[in-house]
Amino acid sequence: MNTGIFKGIAAQGNVARRFIGIRAASALVACTLSFPALAEVVTVGIGTQNTTTNTVTGGVVLKELGLIEKHLAKVPRFKDIQFKLEWQNFTSGPPVTNGMVANTLQIGMMGDYPLLVNGATFQNGNETKSRLIALIAYNAEGAGNGVVVHKDSPYYELADLKGKKLSVPFGSAAHGMLLKALEDRGWTAEDFELSSQSPEVGTSSLQEKRIDGHADFVPFAELLPYRGFARKIFDGAQTKVPTFHGVVVREDFAKKYPEFVVAYIKALMEANDWVRKNPVQAAAKIEEWTRIEKEVAYMFLGPGGVHTLDPTIKPKWVETVKYDHGVLKRMGRVKEFDADAWVDETYVKQAFKELGLDYAKQKASTSNYEISGTDPLCGGKISEPRQAGEVWVEGGAITAYQSANCTLAAIKKAEGEGKKIGVAYVYDQSMKLKVFADKAFYSLKASAKVPEISPFLLKKDAEAHATKNGGKVGLYADALALAVVGK
């Protein structure tokens, strides 16, 4: 046998196999170069409160406008990372904290009292901490939380509810407001038949007159009167303690993806600008997304609204958290908590820096955008916005007027022309809060020229003003009848 022939054939086979192997490897390299590597997928849980109107620019607005994705796309480090956003909606803050502790949520938003409980819960745990990274909206006096009764109720003050059935979502910002109001008056929870009810349950209980009063957070103390079956008898502004909603993040997530946190805050700031640039359109979209009526959303977030949109963490807010913690601690409702260690301004400062904005300047400001323009009925520039009013004709635009008298006169004129008024706003002259014109109490005094018409949220404030100024107390119809065109 010619073994050389077989050796030659074997050698040729080895060459062929090596050639095929080289071509296969080359093809694999080519495929690898032709198709990008699979992106890393990172799931981020974001806990929102869509029906809490002053949180919308940190939640549902970002979701619907795709603003987080917009800002993430500008981060070079994230070009090979796919962030999967899981939006989880809740009706109050405590469940958001539960989700963050379970690490199903990495970011959450809630009111002041739930925020401090969130911080204390993490500080007293064994895992990561939570950090307050930004605010969403605030009222420096505490407005937004409130107590309402049925519209037919004989009760007009908080004292009237002693010994009566009063509900509130336990652990909420409204609960904190109520505890502060009780402490201020030397009362305790035992002075009431106090129970915990969510906004939904409290609403139905009040509507069906199964409770005497319900305390709640934004927007329910305004929403329920707007819907026609409730009356507000106490406002959080009476506590003189600021209220706000803010954003917390798990520290382990923030440290791993700091650019995500900054992108989130930049998206929040863009959402704030979107609301301010066209508040009427924004209110309509918020109604579409949350089922909270646009008239209520506008009351909170429109010009001169109840809450101010501002992400900066002001020293006063930190001091408020410390004060709130003291209230809860004295009642045995919270663990030890270091507010200074909890606050982290790193990310919001970086967001301002990247947007070319002055963080220190905004942090020092507590101004809101206000009603402005020229009064088309009484004439003249609107120079004192918290004396002014607005009329929203159904299906039409919102028009501003320089006084309550001119606002009511404009309503009379519009209705005389067959127009239907959707809503009108005036300002409470005690707390300088925007209120619904048809729900206010009025101190009225006739005059040969222009009548004195002063709106108030609370009956007792209208009575005090009328007594002092020689007027009388009236309701919306009385004020409307007295109004005339004139400055």
Foldseek 3Di string as FASTA:
>chain_A
DPVVVVVVVVVVVVVVVVVVVVVVVVVVVVVPVVDDDQAAEAEAEEEEALQQLLCCLLAVLCVVVVQLVVLVVPDVVCPRYHYHYDYHHDNAQPVVLVCVVVVVHFKYKHKLQSVQQSQQVQVPDDDFGKAFAWFFKKFQLFFFWFKKAWPPAPDQAPVVQFQWFEEEAPRHPQNLLVLLVQVVVVHDPVRHNYDYDGLVRVLVCRQVVVGGMYIYGPPSLAQSVVVPTIATRTGSSVSRFMMTMTMMGGPVVCVVCVSSLLSSLLSSVVSLVVCAVPVQVVLVVSCVRRVRHSVSSCQQNNALHNMATTTADAPSSLVSSVVSVVSCVVVVNHDDHDSVVRYDHVSVVVSCVVVVHDRVVRNPDDDHGHDWDFAPFQTDTQPPRLQKKWWAWVVDHIDIHNHPLSQLQVVVVCVVVVTHTPWMWHAAPPSSGIHTLQNWKWFWDADPAFIDTHTHSGPVVSVVVNVVVVTDIDGNVVSSVRGDRYD
